[in-house]
Amino acid sequence: MLKFLLDTTIISAPIAKMPNRRVVRKIEQQGGHCAIGAPVWHELVYGCSRLPAGKRRDALEEYLHGVVRRSFPILPYDDSAADWHGRERARLEESGRTPPFVDGQIAAIAHSQSLTLVTANTEDFRYFDELELADWTR
């Protein structure tokens, strides 16, 4: 049963130059209960594809396709997520807040799937209504 939606900051932690051991341990413990959103997959592929050919890019591609893609379901940004996101975006803009569109997509996937969004950047998501957040870096 899925419980957590991992954002880019969390799913990238195991391959950072200085991996956060707390995050790695939590992913190992909770991996079977985790997914990523399609916008996160996009960010990972885009970031990797921008790197010059070489050992670092090869290692990242292996991690993405050999570990992430095989280990975690990739959840779509569907009509339910889009509906919630549209309402939240309008509400937040009315209050003077304009979070990045992709953050709204990620939050919407977590909300529509009743998952806790795991991020190292809880501040970026704190204004979204009815969104459960967790920070595995602390």
Protein backbone atom coordinates (compact mmCIF):
# COMPACT_ATOMS: atom_id res chain seq x y z
CA MET A 1 0.00 0.00 0.00
CA LEU A 2 1.39 3.39 -1.02
CA LYS A 3 1.86 5.95 1.74
CA PHE A 4 4.48 8.39 0.45
CA LEU A 5 5.14 10.47 -2.65
CA LEU A 6 8.83 11.33 -2.89
CA ASP A 7 9.86 14.62 -4.46
CA THR A 8 13.04 15.24 -6.41
CA THR A 9 15.06 16.32 -3.36
CA ILE A 10 14.39 12.98 -1.67
CA ILE A 11 14.71 10.56 -4.58
CA SER A 12 17.99 12.25 -5.56
CA ALA A 13 19.52 11.92 -2.08
CA PRO A 14 21.02 8.44 -2.54
CA ILE A 15 23.10 9.61 -5.51
CA ALA A 16 24.22 12.95 -4.11
CA LYS A 17 27.95 13.49 -3.72
CA MET A 18 27.33 13.46 0.05
CA PRO A 19 24.22 11.25 0.50
CA ASN A 20 22.00 12.08 3.44
CA ARG A 21 22.12 8.86 5.47
CA ARG A 22 18.75 9.55 7.15
CA VAL A 23 17.04 9.82 3.76
CA VAL A 24 18.77 6.72 2.41
CA ARG A 25 17.74 4.74 5.51
CA LYS A 26 14.11 5.91 5.27
CA ILE A 27 13.96 5.01 1.58
CA GLU A 28 15.34 1.57 2.42
CA GLN A 29 12.76 1.14 5.22
CA GLN A 30 9.75 2.59 3.41
CA GLY A 31 10.59 1.93 -0.25
CA GLY A 32 7.70 -0.46 -0.79
CA HIS A 33 5.28 2.25 0.32
CA CYS A 34 6.71 4.98 -1.93
CA ALA A 35 6.02 6.38 -5.37
CA ILE A 36 7.13 9.37 -7.39
CA GLY A 37 5.04 11.68 -9.53
CA ALA A 38 5.39 12.08 -13.28
CA PRO A 39 6.66 15.67 -12.82
CA VAL A 40 9.45 14.35 -10.56
CA TRP A 41 10.38 11.75 -13.17
CA HIS A 42 10.52 14.59 -15.72
CA GLU A 43 12.83 16.63 -13.47
CA LEU A 44 15.14 13.63 -12.99
CA VAL A 45 15.33 12.76 -16.70
CA TYR A 46 15.71 16.40 -17.71
CA GLY A 47 18.50 17.02 -15.20
CA CYS A 48 20.35 13.90 -16.25
CA SER A 49 19.92 14.63 -19.96
CA ARG A 50 21.50 18.05 -19.55
CA LEU A 51 24.75 16.59 -18.26
CA PRO A 52 27.64 16.07 -20.65
CA ALA A 53 28.35 12.48 -21.66
CA GLY A 54 30.59 10.76 -19.15
CA LYS A 55 30.82 8.69 -15.99
CA ARG A 56 28.55 10.91 -13.88
CA ARG A 57 25.78 10.91 -16.48
CA ASP A 58 26.13 7.16 -17.00
CA ALA A 59 25.86 6.56 -13.25
CA LEU A 60 22.79 8.79 -12.99
CA GLU A 61 21.10 7.09 -15.95
CA GLU A 62 21.76 3.70 -14.36
CA TYR A 63 20.26 4.93 -11.08
CA LEU A 64 17.20 6.37 -12.82
CA HIS A 65 16.44 3.41 -15.04
CA GLY A 66 17.95 0.59 -12.98
CA VAL A 67 16.77 1.67 -9.53
CA VAL A 68 14.13 4.42 -9.54
CA ARG A 69 12.05 3.23 -12.49
CA ARG A 70 12.12 -0.38 -11.28
CA SER A 71 11.50 0.39 -7.61
CA PHE A 72 8.88 3.12 -7.54
CA PRO A 73 5.57 3.52 -9.36
CA ILE A 74 5.39 6.76 -11.34
CA LEU A 75 2.00 8.32 -10.67
CA PRO A 76 0.38 10.52 -13.33
CA TYR A 77 -0.84 14.08 -13.07
CA ASP A 78 -4.42 13.15 -13.90
CA ASP A 79 -7.77 14.93 -13.99
CA SER A 80 -8.30 14.59 -10.24
CA ALA A 81 -4.91 16.13 -9.51
CA ALA A 82 -5.48 18.85 -12.11
CA ASP A 83 -8.84 19.74 -10.56
CA TRP A 84 -7.38 20.15 -7.07
CA HIS A 85 -4.33 21.95 -8.44
CA GLY A 86 -6.47 24.45 -10.34
CA ARG A 87 -8.49 25.33 -7.25
CA GLU A 88 -5.39 25.55 -5.05
CA ARG A 89 -3.51 27.65 -7.58
CA ALA A 90 -6.37 30.17 -7.73
CA ARG A 91 -6.67 30.25 -3.92
CA LEU A 92 -2.93 30.75 -3.44
CA GLU A 93 -2.71 33.47 -6.09
CA GLU A 94 -5.59 35.28 -4.42
CA SER A 95 -3.53 35.34 -1.22
CA GLY A 96 -0.45 36.63 -3.07
CA ARG A 97 1.41 33.32 -3.32
CA THR A 98 2.54 31.85 -6.62
CA PRO A 99 4.37 28.57 -6.04
CA PRO A 100 6.10 27.04 -9.05
CA PHE A 101 3.67 25.18 -11.30
CA VAL A 102 5.60 21.93 -10.96
CA ASP A 103 5.38 22.11 -7.15
CA GLY A 104 1.62 22.42 -7.53
CA GLN A 105 1.56 19.37 -9.77
CA ILE A 106 3.55 17.32 -7.28
CA ALA A 107 1.38 18.49 -4.37
CA ALA A 108 -1.75 17.69 -6.39
CA ILE A 109 -0.63 14.14 -7.09
CA ALA A 110 0.10 13.59 -3.40
CA HIS A 111 -3.24 15.09 -2.37
CA SER A 112 -5.34 13.25 -4.96
CA GLN A 113 -3.72 9.92 -4.02
CA SER A 114 -3.96 10.60 -0.24
CA LEU A 115 -0.19 10.31 0.14
CA THR A 116 2.25 12.13 2.39
CA LEU A 117 4.57 14.28 0.29
CA VAL A 118 8.17 13.71 1.37
CA THR A 119 10.46 16.63 0.61
CA ALA A 120 13.51 18.40 1.95
CA ASN A 121 11.76 21.65 1.03
CA THR A 122 8.63 21.63 3.19
CA GLU A 123 8.61 25.43 3.05
CA ASP A 124 7.86 25.23 -0.70
CA PHE A 125 4.69 23.23 -0.05
CA ARG A 126 3.41 24.53 3.29
CA TYR A 127 0.68 26.80 1.89
CA PHE A 128 -1.16 24.05 0.03
CA ASP A 129 -4.35 23.06 1.86
CA GLU A 130 -4.89 19.54 3.15
CA LEU A 131 -1.43 18.35 2.13
CA GLU A 132 0.47 16.13 4.55
CA LEU A 133 4.22 16.79 4.48
CA ALA A 134 7.26 14.94 5.82
CA ASP A 135 10.95 15.82 5.77
CA TRP A 136 13.16 12.75 6.00
CA THR A 137 16.37 14.84 6.08
CA ARG A 138 15.94 15.70 9.79
